[in-house]
Amino acid sequence: MQYARRNIAAACRRSIAEPCILPLYNQIKQKFINGIPVTSDYSNKIICTISDVQIDHYDLTFEELVSKWIDIKGLDYLFGKVNMGDQQSTITEFVDKNLNNEFVDFHNKHTHLRVVTKEENLCK
């Protein structure tokens, strides 16, 4: 059961990376390039380097969000749609691309992303 949840969570992470996290990360990177201060949405602390930037979920943590989605969609159904890659690949993703879109929509309706420092993200 934990194995299935871990693999579903990995597929969920992969599905939100490009449409949700990557654009936010690129905006932050552009601010650093242009010399615009980047601050934590959690503490308003100035973040000095791109390596100290973390993207955090609030309202629901990512794990809570995935658990809620699994409860709605069904563990067996979702696990059956996960491709854990062949022996040459470590990519875990949904084989049904519609599930990517469904999870992104669910993600965007039930949680928000914010910029935090590495320390703030680790302290949770």
PDB file of N, CA and C in Angstrom:
ATOM      1  N   MET A   1       0.830  -1.191   0.000  1.00  0.00           N
ATOM      2  CA  MET A   1       0.000   0.000   0.000  1.00  0.00           C
ATOM      3  C   MET A   1       0.876   1.258   0.000  1.00  0.00           C
ATOM      4  N   GLN A   2       1.902   1.321   0.868  1.00  0.00           N
ATOM      5  CA  GLN A   2       2.799   2.482   0.897  1.00  0.00           C
ATOM      6  C   GLN A   2       3.535   2.610  -0.428  1.00  0.00           C
ATOM      7  N   TYR A   3       3.920   1.474  -1.000  1.00  0.00           N
ATOM      8  CA  TYR A   3       4.607   1.463  -2.294  1.00  0.00           C
ATOM      9  C   TYR A   3       3.734   2.114  -3.364  1.00  0.00           C
ATOM     10  N   ALA A   4       2.466   1.755  -3.392  1.00  0.00           N
ATOM     11  CA  ALA A   4       1.538   2.316  -4.376  1.00  0.00           C
ATOM     12  C   ALA A   4       1.377   3.814  -4.159  1.00  0.00           C
ATOM     13  N   ARG A   5       1.201   4.245  -2.918  1.00  0.00           N
ATOM     14  CA  ARG A   5       1.044   5.674  -2.615  1.00  0.00           C
ATOM     15  C   ARG A   5       2.292   6.468  -3.017  1.00  0.00           C
ATOM     16  N   ARG A   6       3.462   5.919  -2.743  1.00  0.00           N
ATOM     17  CA  ARG A   6       4.713   6.600  -3.113  1.00  0.00           C
ATOM     18  C   ARG A   6       4.816   6.793  -4.618  1.00  0.00           C
ATOM     19  N   ASN A   7       4.450   5.770  -5.363  1.00  0.00           N
ATOM     20  CA  ASN A   7       4.538   5.859  -6.817  1.00  0.00           C
ATOM     21  C   ASN A   7       3.477   6.790  -7.392  1.00  0.00           C
ATOM     22  N   ILE A   8       2.298   6.803  -6.810  1.00  0.00           N
ATOM     23  CA  ILE A   8       1.274   7.748  -7.242  1.00  0.00           C
ATOM     24  C   ILE A   8       1.731   9.175  -6.935  1.00  0.00           C
ATOM     25  N   ALA A   9       2.303   9.384  -5.754  1.00  0.00           N
ATOM     26  CA  ALA A   9       2.804  10.711  -5.385  1.00  0.00           C
ATOM     27  C   ALA A   9       3.889  11.160  -6.352  1.00  0.00           C
ATOM     28  N   ALA A  10       4.768  10.248  -6.753  1.00  0.00           N
ATOM     29  CA  ALA A  10       5.826  10.598  -7.706  1.00  0.00           C
ATOM     30  C   ALA A  10       5.230  11.000  -9.054  1.00  0.00           C
ATOM     31  N   ALA A  11       4.213  10.284  -9.499  1.00  0.00           N
ATOM     32  CA  ALA A  11       3.551  10.635 -10.760  1.00  0.00           C
ATOM     33  C   ALA A  11       2.845  11.985 -10.635  1.00  0.00           C
ATOM     34  N   CYS A  12       2.267  12.259  -9.471  1.00  0.00           N
ATOM     35  CA  CYS A  12       1.612  13.555  -9.239  1.00  0.00           C
ATOM     36  C   CYS A  12       2.636  14.685  -9.268  1.00  0.00           C
ATOM     37  N   ARG A  13       3.776  14.474  -8.626  1.00  0.00           N
ATOM     38  CA  ARG A  13       4.847  15.498  -8.648  1.00  0.00           C
ATOM     39  C   ARG A  13       5.276  15.801 -10.076  1.00  0.00           C
ATOM     40  N   ARG A  14       5.442  14.760 -10.847  1.00  0.00           N
ATOM     41  CA  ARG A  14       5.861  14.949 -12.235  1.00  0.00           C
ATOM     42  C   ARG A  14       4.795  15.701 -13.022  1.00  0.00           C
ATOM     43  N   SER A  15       3.525  15.437 -12.740  1.00  0.00           N
ATOM     44  CA  SER A  15       2.460  16.087 -13.512  1.00  0.00           C
ATOM     45  C   SER A  15       2.339  17.579 -13.222  1.00  0.00           C
ATOM     46  N   ILE A  16       2.723  18.020 -12.009  1.00  0.00           N
ATOM     47  CA  ILE A  16       2.609  19.454 -11.711  1.00  0.00           C
ATOM     48  C   ILE A  16       3.892  20.227 -11.969  1.00  0.00           C
ATOM     49  N   ALA A  17       5.005  19.543 -12.169  1.00  0.00           N
ATOM     50  CA  ALA A  17       6.294  20.228 -12.295  1.00  0.00           C
ATOM     51  C   ALA A  17       6.286  21.263 -13.417  1.00  0.00           C
ATOM     52  N   GLU A  18       5.921  20.858 -14.607  1.00  0.00           N
ATOM     53  CA  GLU A  18       5.998  21.774 -15.738  1.00  0.00           C
ATOM     54  C   GLU A  18       4.915  22.857 -15.714  1.00  0.00           C
ATOM     55  N   PRO A  19       3.645  22.531 -15.508  1.00  0.00           N
ATOM     56  CA  PRO A  19       2.638  23.593 -15.569  1.00  0.00           C
ATOM     57  C   PRO A  19       2.557  24.481 -14.329  1.00  0.00           C
ATOM     58  N   CYS A  20       3.015  24.032 -13.184  1.00  0.00           N
ATOM     59  CA  CYS A  20       2.835  24.799 -11.948  1.00  0.00           C
ATOM     60  C   CYS A  20       4.143  25.304 -11.354  1.00  0.00           C
ATOM     61  N   ILE A  21       5.067  24.417 -11.102  1.00  0.00           N
ATOM     62  CA  ILE A  21       6.283  24.776 -10.372  1.00  0.00           C
ATOM     63  C   ILE A  21       7.313  25.439 -11.284  1.00  0.00           C
ATOM     64  N   LEU A  22       7.512  24.923 -12.472  1.00  0.00           N
ATOM     65  CA  LEU A  22       8.519  25.469 -13.363  1.00  0.00           C
ATOM     66  C   LEU A  22       8.273  26.942 -13.706  1.00  0.00           C
ATOM     67  N   PRO A  23       7.045  27.360 -14.049  1.00  0.00           N
ATOM     68  CA  PRO A  23       6.835  28.789 -14.338  1.00  0.00           C
ATOM     69  C   PRO A  23       7.142  29.690 -13.137  1.00  0.00           C
ATOM     70  N   LEU A  24       6.756  29.269 -11.941  1.00  0.00           N
ATOM     71  CA  LEU A  24       7.046  30.055 -10.746  1.00  0.00           C
ATOM     72  C   LEU A  24       8.550  30.130 -10.512  1.00  0.00           C
ATOM     73  N   TYR A  25       9.233  29.019 -10.656  1.00  0.00           N
ATOM     74  CA  TYR A  25      10.680  28.985 -10.482  1.00  0.00           C
ATOM     75  C   TYR A  25      11.366  29.896 -11.507  1.00  0.00           C
ATOM     76  N   ASN A  26      10.893  29.877 -12.754  1.00  0.00           N
ATOM     77  CA  ASN A  26      11.477  30.721 -13.800  1.00  0.00           C
ATOM     78  C   ASN A  26      11.255  32.206 -13.512  1.00  0.00           C
ATOM     79  N   GLN A  27      10.087  32.560 -12.952  1.00  0.00           N
ATOM     80  CA  GLN A  27       9.827  33.952 -12.565  1.00  0.00           C
ATOM     81  C   GLN A  27      10.812  34.396 -11.485  1.00  0.00           C
ATOM     82  N   ILE A  28      11.045  33.524 -10.530  1.00  0.00           N
ATOM     83  CA  ILE A  28      11.979  33.839  -9.444  1.00  0.00           C
ATOM     84  C   ILE A  28      13.391  33.990 -10.003  1.00  0.00           C
ATOM     85  N   LYS A  29      13.775  33.080 -10.873  1.00  0.00           N
ATOM     86  CA  LYS A  29      15.102  33.124 -11.487  1.00  0.00           C
ATOM     87  C   LYS A  29      15.291  34.440 -12.244  1.00  0.00           C
ATOM     88  N   GLN A  30      14.250  34.870 -12.954  1.00  0.00           N
ATOM     89  CA  GLN A  30      14.318  36.121 -13.705  1.00  0.00           C
ATOM     90  C   GLN A  30      14.492  37.310 -12.765  1.00  0.00           C
ATOM     91  N   LYS A  31      13.844  37.270 -11.613  1.00  0.00           N
ATOM     92  CA  LYS A  31      14.022  38.345 -10.623  1.00  0.00           C
ATOM     93  C   LYS A  31      15.480  38.427 -10.181  1.00  0.00           C
ATOM     94  N   PHE A  32      16.090  37.278  -9.903  1.00  0.00           N
ATOM     95  CA  PHE A  32      17.509  37.264  -9.516  1.00  0.00           C
ATOM     96  C   PHE A  32      18.375  37.860 -10.623  1.00  0.00           C
ATOM     97  N   ILE A  33      18.107  37.482 -11.865  1.00  0.00           N
ATOM     98  CA  ILE A  33      18.880  37.989 -13.001  1.00  0.00           C
ATOM     99  C   ILE A  33      18.750  39.505 -13.108  1.00  0.00           C
ATOM    100  N   ASN A  34      17.544  40.021 -12.854  1.00  0.00           N
ATOM    101  CA  ASN A  34      17.280  41.458 -12.982  1.00  0.00           C
ATOM    102  C   ASN A  34      17.583  42.241 -11.711  1.00  0.00           C
ATOM    103  N   GLY A  35      18.082  41.568 -10.682  1.00  0.00           N
ATOM    104  CA  GLY A  35      18.434  42.252  -9.445  1.00  0.00           C
ATOM    105  C   GLY A  35      17.239  42.674  -8.600  1.00  0.00           C
ATOM    106  N   ILE A  36      16.104  42.051  -8.827  1.00  0.00           N
ATOM    107  CA  ILE A  36      14.897  42.346  -8.050  1.00  0.00           C
ATOM    108  C   ILE A  36      14.895  41.462  -6.811  1.00  0.00           C
ATOM    109  N   PRO A  37      14.674  42.039  -5.627  1.00  0.00           N
ATOM    110  CA  PRO A  37      14.685  41.218  -4.408  1.00  0.00           C
ATOM    111  C   PRO A  37      13.602  40.131  -4.435  1.00  0.00           C
ATOM    112  N   VAL A  38      13.977  38.985  -3.946  1.00  0.00           N
ATOM    113  CA  VAL A  38      13.038  37.863  -3.802  1.00  0.00           C
ATOM    114  C   VAL A  38      12.842  37.652  -2.312  1.00  0.00           C
ATOM    115  N   THR A  39      11.583  37.621  -1.888  1.00  0.00           N
ATOM    116  CA  THR A  39      11.293  37.444  -0.468  1.00  0.00           C
ATOM    117  C   THR A  39      10.435  36.207  -0.257  1.00  0.00           C
ATOM    118  N   SER A  40      10.554  35.663   0.931  1.00  0.00           N
ATOM    119  CA  SER A  40       9.741  34.518   1.320  1.00  0.00           C
ATOM    120  C   SER A  40       8.290  34.967   1.500  1.00  0.00           C
ATOM    121  N   ASP A  41       7.368  34.217   0.921  1.00  0.00           N
ATOM    122  CA  ASP A  41       5.944  34.497   1.116  1.00  0.00           C
ATOM    123  C   ASP A  41       5.500  34.128   2.527  1.00  0.00           C
ATOM    124  N   TYR A  42       6.317  33.384   3.221  1.00  0.00           N
ATOM    125  CA  TYR A  42       6.007  32.934   4.578  1.00  0.00           C
ATOM    126  C   TYR A  42       6.446  33.962   5.621  1.00  0.00           C
ATOM    127  N   SER A  43       7.668  34.487   5.466  1.00  0.00           N
ATOM    128  CA  SER A  43       8.235  35.350   6.503  1.00  0.00           C
ATOM    129  C   SER A  43       8.655  36.740   6.015  1.00  0.00           C
ATOM    130  N   ASN A  44       8.571  36.972   4.715  1.00  0.00           N
ATOM    131  CA  ASN A  44       9.073  38.204   4.092  1.00  0.00           C
ATOM    132  C   ASN A  44      10.588  38.344   4.192  1.00  0.00           C
ATOM    133  N   LYS A  45      11.267  37.294   4.581  1.00  0.00           N
ATOM    134  CA  LYS A  45      12.732  37.291   4.636  1.00  0.00           C
ATOM    135  C   LYS A  45      13.281  37.357   3.214  1.00  0.00           C
ATOM    136  N   ILE A  46      14.305  38.169   3.012  1.00  0.00           N
ATOM    137  CA  ILE A  46      14.931  38.269   1.697  1.00  0.00           C
ATOM    138  C   ILE A  46      15.731  36.992   1.431  1.00  0.00           C
ATOM    139  N   ILE A  47      15.541  36.449   0.255  1.00  0.00           N
ATOM    140  CA  ILE A  47      16.259  35.241  -0.166  1.00  0.00           C
ATOM    141  C   ILE A  47      17.403  35.696  -1.063  1.00  0.00           C
ATOM    142  N   CYS A  48      18.607  35.362  -0.675  1.00  0.00           N
ATOM    143  CA  CYS A  48      19.802  35.903  -1.332  1.00  0.00           C
ATOM    144  C   CYS A  48      20.259  35.138  -2.564  1.00  0.00           C
ATOM    145  N   THR A  49      20.017  33.841  -2.616  1.00  0.00           N
ATOM    146  CA  THR A  49      20.477  33.052  -3.765  1.00  0.00           C
ATOM    147  C   THR A  49      19.369  32.129  -4.254  1.00  0.00           C
ATOM    148  N   ILE A  50      19.429  31.796  -5.519  1.00  0.00           N
ATOM    149  CA  ILE A  50      18.427  30.904  -6.113  1.00  0.00           C
ATOM    150  C   ILE A  50      18.461  29.527  -5.453  1.00  0.00           C
ATOM    151  N   SER A  51      19.617  29.123  -4.948  1.00  0.00           N
ATOM    152  CA  SER A  51      19.717  27.810  -4.310  1.00  0.00           C
ATOM    153  C   SER A  51      18.988  27.771  -2.962  1.00  0.00           C
ATOM    154  N   ASP A  52      18.678  28.937  -2.399  1.00  0.00           N
ATOM    155  CA  ASP A  52      17.919  28.992  -1.141  1.00  0.00           C
ATOM    156  C   ASP A  52      16.415  29.059  -1.364  1.00  0.00           C
ATOM    157  N   VAL A  53      15.978  29.100  -2.613  1.00  0.00           N
ATOM    158  CA  VAL A  53      14.549  29.181  -2.944  1.00  0.00           C
ATOM    159  C   VAL A  53      13.936  27.787  -2.906  1.00  0.00           C
ATOM    160  N   GLN A  54      12.808  27.678  -2.239  1.00  0.00           N
ATOM    161  CA  GLN A  54      12.015  26.445  -2.229  1.00  0.00           C
ATOM    162  C   GLN A  54      10.576  26.819  -2.587  1.00  0.00           C
ATOM    163  N   ILE A  55       9.902  25.923  -3.267  1.00  0.00           N
ATOM    164  CA  ILE A  55       8.488  26.106  -3.591  1.00  0.00           C
ATOM    165  C   ILE A  55       7.705  25.217  -2.627  1.00  0.00           C
ATOM    166  N   ASP A  56       6.773  25.835  -1.915  1.00  0.00           N
ATOM    167  CA  ASP A  56       6.052  25.173  -0.834  1.00  0.00           C
ATOM    168  C   ASP A  56       4.555  25.176  -1.128  1.00  0.00           C
ATOM    169  N   HIS A  57       3.867  24.138  -0.717  1.00  0.00           N
ATOM    170  CA  HIS A  57       2.408  24.087  -0.781  1.00  0.00           C
ATOM    171  C   HIS A  57       1.848  24.564   0.549  1.00  0.00           C
ATOM    172  N   TYR A  58       0.798  25.349   0.503  1.00  0.00           N
ATOM    173  CA  TYR A  58       0.100  25.657   1.739  1.00  0.00           C
ATOM    174  C   TYR A  58      -1.389  25.476   1.501  1.00  0.00           C
ATOM    175  N   ASP A  59      -2.193  25.646   2.499  1.00  0.00           N
ATOM    176  CA  ASP A  59      -3.590  25.223   2.568  1.00  0.00           C
ATOM    177  C   ASP A  59      -3.580  23.716   2.839  1.00  0.00           C
ATOM    178  N   LEU A  60      -3.101  22.950   1.877  1.00  0.00           N
ATOM    179  CA  LEU A  60      -2.849  21.518   2.063  1.00  0.00           C
ATOM    180  C   LEU A  60      -1.402  21.274   1.664  1.00  0.00           C
ATOM    181  N   THR A  61      -0.710  20.428   2.405  1.00  0.00           N
ATOM    182  CA  THR A  61       0.631  20.037   1.967  1.00  0.00           C
ATOM    183  C   THR A  61       0.480  19.157   0.731  1.00  0.00           C
ATOM    184  N   PHE A  62       1.569  18.941   0.040  1.00  0.00           N
ATOM    185  CA  PHE A  62       1.509  18.090  -1.150  1.00  0.00           C
ATOM    186  C   PHE A  62       1.044  16.685  -0.779  1.00  0.00           C
ATOM    187  N   GLU A  63       1.544  16.165   0.331  1.00  0.00           N
ATOM    188  CA  GLU A  63       1.171  14.813   0.762  1.00  0.00           C
ATOM    189  C   GLU A  63      -0.323  14.727   1.083  1.00  0.00           C
ATOM    190  N   GLU A  64      -0.859  15.751   1.769  1.00  0.00           N
ATOM    191  CA  GLU A  64      -2.298  15.769   2.072  1.00  0.00           C
ATOM    192  C   GLU A  64      -3.119  15.856   0.797  1.00  0.00           C
ATOM    193  N   LEU A  65      -2.641  16.652  -0.139  1.00  0.00           N
ATOM    194  CA  LEU A  65      -3.328  16.817  -1.417  1.00  0.00           C
ATOM    195  C   LEU A  65      -3.385  15.497  -2.188  1.00  0.00           C
ATOM    196  N   VAL A  66      -2.251  14.809  -2.252  1.00  0.00           N
ATOM    197  CA  VAL A  66      -2.203  13.524  -2.954  1.00  0.00           C
ATOM    198  C   VAL A  66      -3.112  12.512  -2.262  1.00  0.00           C
ATOM    199  N   SER A  67      -3.088  12.465  -0.937  1.00  0.00           N
ATOM    200  CA  SER A  67      -3.945  11.527  -0.199  1.00  0.00           C
ATOM    201  C   SER A  67      -5.418  11.793  -0.478  1.00  0.00           C
ATOM    202  N   LYS A  68      -5.782  13.060  -0.503  1.00  0.00           N
ATOM    203  CA  LYS A  68      -7.175  13.423  -0.786  1.00  0.00           C
ATOM    204  C   LYS A  68      -7.571  12.987  -2.198  1.00  0.00           C
ATOM    205  N   TRP A  69      -6.655  13.182  -3.156  1.00  0.00           N
ATOM    206  CA  TRP A  69      -6.940  12.790  -4.536  1.00  0.00           C
ATOM    207  C   TRP A  69      -7.042  11.282  -4.677  1.00  0.00           C
ATOM    208  N   ILE A  70      -6.164  10.563  -3.979  1.00  0.00           N
ATOM    209  CA  ILE A  70      -6.224   9.097  -3.994  1.00  0.00           C
ATOM    210  C   ILE A  70      -7.555   8.623  -3.418  1.00  0.00           C
ATOM    211  N   ASP A  71      -8.004   9.251  -2.337  1.00  0.00           N
ATOM    212  CA  ASP A  71      -9.294   8.877  -1.743  1.00  0.00           C
ATOM    213  C   ASP A  71     -10.439   9.072  -2.726  1.00  0.00           C
ATOM    214  N   ILE A  72     -10.359  10.118  -3.520  1.00  0.00           N
ATOM    215  CA  ILE A  72     -11.419  10.405  -4.493  1.00  0.00           C
ATOM    216  C   ILE A  72     -11.345   9.472  -5.698  1.00  0.00           C
ATOM    217  N   LYS A  73     -10.154   9.289  -6.266  1.00  0.00           N
ATOM    218  CA  LYS A  73      -9.997   8.527  -7.500  1.00  0.00           C
ATOM    219  C   LYS A  73      -9.871   7.019  -7.274  1.00  0.00           C
ATOM    220  N   GLY A  74      -9.336   6.629  -6.130  1.00  0.00           N
ATOM    221  CA  GLY A  74      -9.148   5.215  -5.837  1.00  0.00           C
ATOM    222  C   GLY A  74      -7.700   4.781  -6.014  1.00  0.00           C
ATOM    223  N   LEU A  75      -7.160   4.174  -4.981  1.00  0.00           N
ATOM    224  CA  LEU A  75      -5.770   3.738  -4.974  1.00  0.00           C
ATOM    225  C   LEU A  75      -5.480   2.758  -6.102  1.00  0.00           C
ATOM    226  N   ASP A  76      -6.303   1.726  -6.225  1.00  0.00           N
ATOM    227  CA  ASP A  76      -6.049   0.694  -7.237  1.00  0.00           C
ATOM    228  C   ASP A  76      -6.123   1.275  -8.646  1.00  0.00           C
ATOM    229  N   TYR A  77      -7.119   2.136  -8.876  1.00  0.00           N
ATOM    230  CA  TYR A  77      -7.270   2.746 -10.194  1.00  0.00           C
ATOM    231  C   TYR A  77      -6.027   3.572 -10.545  1.00  0.00           C
ATOM    232  N   LEU A  78      -5.613   4.464  -9.644  1.00  0.00           N
ATOM    233  CA  LEU A  78      -4.464   5.328  -9.925  1.00  0.00           C
ATOM    234  C   LEU A  78      -3.175   4.528 -10.062  1.00  0.00           C
ATOM    235  N   PHE A  79      -2.974   3.546  -9.188  1.00  0.00           N
ATOM    236  CA  PHE A  79      -1.759   2.746  -9.253  1.00  0.00           C
ATOM    237  C   PHE A  79      -1.696   1.981 -10.574  1.00  0.00           C
ATOM    238  N   GLY A  80      -2.844   1.572 -11.072  1.00  0.00           N
ATOM    239  CA  GLY A  80      -2.896   0.896 -12.368  1.00  0.00           C
ATOM    240  C   GLY A  80      -2.533   1.798 -13.529  1.00  0.00           C
ATOM    241  N   LYS A  81      -2.564   3.105 -13.314  1.00  0.00           N
ATOM    242  CA  LYS A  81      -2.246   4.082 -14.365  1.00  0.00           C
ATOM    243  C   LYS A  81      -0.836   4.663 -14.230  1.00  0.00           C
ATOM    244  N   VAL A  82      -0.047   4.125 -13.299  1.00  0.00           N
ATOM    245  CA  VAL A  82       1.309   4.622 -13.086  1.00  0.00           C
ATOM    246  C   VAL A  82       2.294   3.768 -13.865  1.00  0.00           C
ATOM    247  N   ASN A  83       3.144   4.450 -14.627  1.00  0.00           N
ATOM    248  CA  ASN A  83       4.245   3.790 -15.320  1.00  0.00           C
ATOM    249  C   ASN A  83       5.499   4.098 -14.530  1.00  0.00           C
ATOM    250  N   MET A  84       6.112   3.097 -13.953  1.00  0.00           N
ATOM    251  CA  MET A  84       7.298   3.302 -13.133  1.00  0.00           C
ATOM    252  C   MET A  84       8.576   3.190 -13.945  1.00  0.00           C
ATOM    253  N   GLY A  85       8.452   3.206 -15.245  1.00  0.00           N
ATOM    254  CA  GLY A  85       9.629   3.174 -16.102  1.00  0.00           C
ATOM    255  C   GLY A  85      10.146   1.766 -16.287  1.00  0.00           C
ATOM    256  N   ASP A  86      10.973   1.621 -17.297  1.00  0.00           N
ATOM    257  CA  ASP A  86      11.609   0.329 -17.502  1.00  0.00           C
ATOM    258  C   ASP A  86      12.925   0.308 -16.726  1.00  0.00           C
ATOM    259  N   GLN A  87      13.707  -0.687 -16.922  1.00  0.00           N
ATOM    260  CA  GLN A  87      14.957  -0.801 -16.173  1.00  0.00           C
ATOM    261  C   GLN A  87      15.949   0.305 -16.508  1.00  0.00           C
ATOM    262  N   GLN A  88      15.785   0.947 -17.656  1.00  0.00           N
ATOM    263  CA  GLN A  88      16.693   2.011 -18.067  1.00  0.00           C
ATOM    264  C   GLN A  88      16.227   3.386 -17.578  1.00  0.00           C
ATOM    265  N   SER A  89      15.037   3.464 -16.994  1.00  0.00           N
ATOM    266  CA  SER A  89      14.458   4.751 -16.644  1.00  0.00           C
ATOM    267  C   SER A  89      13.996   4.780 -15.197  1.00  0.00           C
ATOM    268  N   THR A  90      14.134   5.928 -14.578  1.00  0.00           N
ATOM    269  CA  THR A  90      13.632   6.099 -13.209  1.00  0.00           C
ATOM    270  C   THR A  90      12.433   7.033 -13.186  1.00  0.00           C
ATOM    271  N   ILE A  91      11.862   7.338 -14.344  1.00  0.00           N
ATOM    272  CA  ILE A  91      10.730   8.254 -14.435  1.00  0.00           C
ATOM    273  C   ILE A  91       9.455   7.537 -14.031  1.00  0.00           C
ATOM    274  N   THR A  92       8.745   8.147 -13.106  1.00  0.00           N
ATOM    275  CA  THR A  92       7.441   7.632 -12.685  1.00  0.00           C
ATOM    276  C   THR A  92       6.398   8.640 -13.113  1.00  0.00           C
ATOM    277  N   GLU A  93       5.451   8.216 -13.931  1.00  0.00           N
ATOM    278  CA  GLU A  93       4.433   9.135 -14.438  1.00  0.00           C
ATOM    279  C   GLU A  93       3.142   8.373 -14.716  1.00  0.00           C
ATOM    280  N   PHE A  94       2.074   9.140 -14.926  1.00  0.00           N
ATOM    281  CA  PHE A  94       0.810   8.526 -15.307  1.00  0.00           C
ATOM    282  C   PHE A  94       0.852   8.182 -16.791  1.00  0.00           C
ATOM    283  N   VAL A  95       0.356   7.002 -17.126  1.00  0.00           N
ATOM    284  CA  VAL A  95       0.313   6.607 -18.540  1.00  0.00           C
ATOM    285  C   VAL A  95      -0.857   7.286 -19.243  1.00  0.00           C
ATOM    286  N   ASP A  96      -1.852   7.705 -18.496  1.00  0.00           N
ATOM    287  CA  ASP A  96      -3.002   8.420 -19.040  1.00  0.00           C
ATOM    288  C   ASP A  96      -2.762   9.913 -18.830  1.00  0.00           C
ATOM    289  N   LYS A  97      -2.461  10.635 -19.895  1.00  0.00           N
ATOM    290  CA  LYS A  97      -2.128  12.063 -19.803  1.00  0.00           C
ATOM    291  C   LYS A  97      -3.301  12.889 -19.279  1.00  0.00           C
ATOM    292  N   ASN A  98      -4.526  12.392 -19.422  1.00  0.00           N
ATOM    293  CA  ASN A  98      -5.680  13.102 -18.859  1.00  0.00           C
ATOM    294  C   ASN A  98      -5.586  13.175 -17.332  1.00  0.00           C
ATOM    295  N   LEU A  99      -4.978  12.154 -16.723  1.00  0.00           N
ATOM    296  CA  LEU A  99      -4.792  12.181 -15.274  1.00  0.00           C
ATOM    297  C   LEU A  99      -3.855  13.310 -14.863  1.00  0.00           C
ATOM    298  N   ASN A 100      -2.861  13.597 -15.685  1.00  0.00           N
ATOM    299  CA  ASN A 100      -1.991  14.746 -15.400  1.00  0.00           C
ATOM    300  C   ASN A 100      -2.830  16.010 -15.292  1.00  0.00           C
ATOM    301  N   ASN A 101      -3.672  16.239 -16.302  1.00  0.00           N
ATOM    302  CA  ASN A 101      -4.502  17.440 -16.309  1.00  0.00           C
ATOM    303  C   ASN A 101      -5.480  17.457 -15.143  1.00  0.00           C
ATOM    304  N   GLU A 102      -6.068  16.302 -14.835  1.00  0.00           N
ATOM    305  CA  GLU A 102      -6.994  16.221 -13.708  1.00  0.00           C
ATOM    306  C   GLU A 102      -6.295  16.565 -12.397  1.00  0.00           C
ATOM    307  N   PHE A 103      -5.073  16.035 -12.215  1.00  0.00           N
ATOM    308  CA  PHE A 103      -4.372  16.323 -10.976  1.00  0.00           C
ATOM    309  C   PHE A 103      -3.959  17.788 -10.905  1.00  0.00           C
ATOM    310  N   VAL A 104      -3.507  18.358 -12.001  1.00  0.00           N
ATOM    311  CA  VAL A 104      -3.145  19.781 -12.014  1.00  0.00           C
ATOM    312  C   VAL A 104      -4.351  20.630 -11.636  1.00  0.00           C
ATOM    313  N   ASP A 105      -5.507  20.336 -12.215  1.00  0.00           N
ATOM    314  CA  ASP A 105      -6.733  21.077 -11.873  1.00  0.00           C
ATOM    315  C   ASP A 105      -7.072  20.912 -10.395  1.00  0.00           C
ATOM    316  N   PHE A 106      -7.004  19.678  -9.909  1.00  0.00           N
ATOM    317  CA  PHE A 106      -7.287  19.402  -8.496  1.00  0.00           C
ATOM    318  C   PHE A 106      -6.296  20.151  -7.607  1.00  0.00           C
ATOM    319  N   HIS A 107      -5.022  20.089  -7.972  1.00  0.00           N
ATOM    320  CA  HIS A 107      -3.958  20.779  -7.239  1.00  0.00           C
ATOM    321  C   HIS A 107      -4.254  22.275  -7.153  1.00  0.00           C
ATOM    322  N   ASN A 108      -4.561  22.886  -8.284  1.00  0.00           N
ATOM    323  CA  ASN A 108      -4.763  24.326  -8.323  1.00  0.00           C
ATOM    324  C   ASN A 108      -6.022  24.772  -7.578  1.00  0.00           C
ATOM    325  N   LYS A 109      -7.010  23.903  -7.467  1.00  0.00           N
ATOM    326  CA  LYS A 109      -8.241  24.249  -6.748  1.00  0.00           C
ATOM    327  C   LYS A 109      -8.097  24.078  -5.240  1.00  0.00           C
ATOM    328  N   HIS A 110      -7.194  23.205  -4.803  1.00  0.00           N
ATOM    329  CA  HIS A 110      -7.155  22.845  -3.388  1.00  0.00           C
ATOM    330  C   HIS A 110      -5.925  23.309  -2.616  1.00  0.00           C
ATOM    331  N   THR A 111      -4.964  23.870  -3.285  1.00  0.00           N
ATOM    332  CA  THR A 111      -3.784  24.377  -2.580  1.00  0.00           C
ATOM    333  C   THR A 111      -3.158  25.487  -3.390  1.00  0.00           C
ATOM    334  N   HIS A 112      -2.212  26.150  -2.798  1.00  0.00           N
ATOM    335  CA  HIS A 112      -1.491  27.238  -3.454  1.00  0.00           C
ATOM    336  C   HIS A 112       0.001  27.003  -3.275  1.00  0.00           C
ATOM    337  N   LEU A 113       0.759  27.597  -4.159  1.00  0.00           N
ATOM    338  CA  LEU A 113       2.212  27.516  -4.058  1.00  0.00           C
ATOM    339  C   LEU A 113       2.740  28.839  -3.531  1.00  0.00           C
ATOM    340  N   ARG A 114       3.813  28.758  -2.780  1.00  0.00           N
ATOM    341  CA  ARG A 114       4.458  29.968  -2.299  1.00  0.00           C
ATOM    342  C   ARG A 114       5.960  29.753  -2.275  1.00  0.00           C
ATOM    343  N   VAL A 115       6.660  30.876  -2.292  1.00  0.00           N
ATOM    344  CA  VAL A 115       8.123  30.863  -2.242  1.00  0.00           C
ATOM    345  C   VAL A 115       8.536  30.967  -0.787  1.00  0.00           C
ATOM    346  N   VAL A 116       9.397  30.059  -0.358  1.00  0.00           N
ATOM    347  CA  VAL A 116       9.932  30.072   1.007  1.00  0.00           C
ATOM    348  C   VAL A 116      11.433  29.818   0.944  1.00  0.00           C
ATOM    349  N   THR A 117      12.105  30.062   2.062  1.00  0.00           N
ATOM    350  CA  THR A 117      13.528  29.744   2.138  1.00  0.00           C
ATOM    351  C   THR A 117      13.691  28.240   2.352  1.00  0.00           C
ATOM    352  N   LYS A 118      14.873  27.761   2.096  1.00  0.00           N
ATOM    353  CA  LYS A 118      15.172  26.350   2.315  1.00  0.00           C
ATOM    354  C   LYS A 118      14.948  25.979   3.781  1.00  0.00           C
ATOM    355  N   GLU A 119      15.386  26.870   4.707  1.00  0.00           N
ATOM    356  CA  GLU A 119      15.211  26.589   6.133  1.00  0.00           C
ATOM    357  C   GLU A 119      13.736  26.506   6.519  1.00  0.00           C
ATOM    358  N   GLU A 120      12.921  27.417   5.989  1.00  0.00           N
ATOM    359  CA  GLU A 120      11.490  27.396   6.303  1.00  0.00           C
ATOM    360  C   GLU A 120      10.834  26.117   5.790  1.00  0.00           C
ATOM    361  N   ASN A 121      11.265  25.654   4.641  1.00  0.00           N
ATOM    362  CA  ASN A 121      10.700  24.437   4.077  1.00  0.00           C
ATOM    363  C   ASN A 121      11.122  23.210   4.884  1.00  0.00           C
ATOM    364  N   LEU A 122      12.344  23.187   5.372  1.00  0.00           N
ATOM    365  CA  LEU A 122      12.843  22.061   6.152  1.00  0.00           C
ATOM    366  C   LEU A 122      12.249  21.991   7.545  1.00  0.00           C
ATOM    367  N   CYS A 123      11.818  23.131   8.092  1.00  0.00           N
ATOM    368  CA  CYS A 123      11.298  23.177   9.464  1.00  0.00           C
ATOM    369  C   CYS A 123       9.870  22.657   9.573  1.00  0.00           C
ATOM    370  N   LYS A 124       9.249  22.370   8.463  1.00  0.00           N
ATOM    371  CA  LYS A 124       7.834  21.931   8.507  1.00  0.00           C
ATOM    372  C   LYS A 124       7.720  20.471   8.779  1.00  0.00           C
TER     373      LYS A 124
END
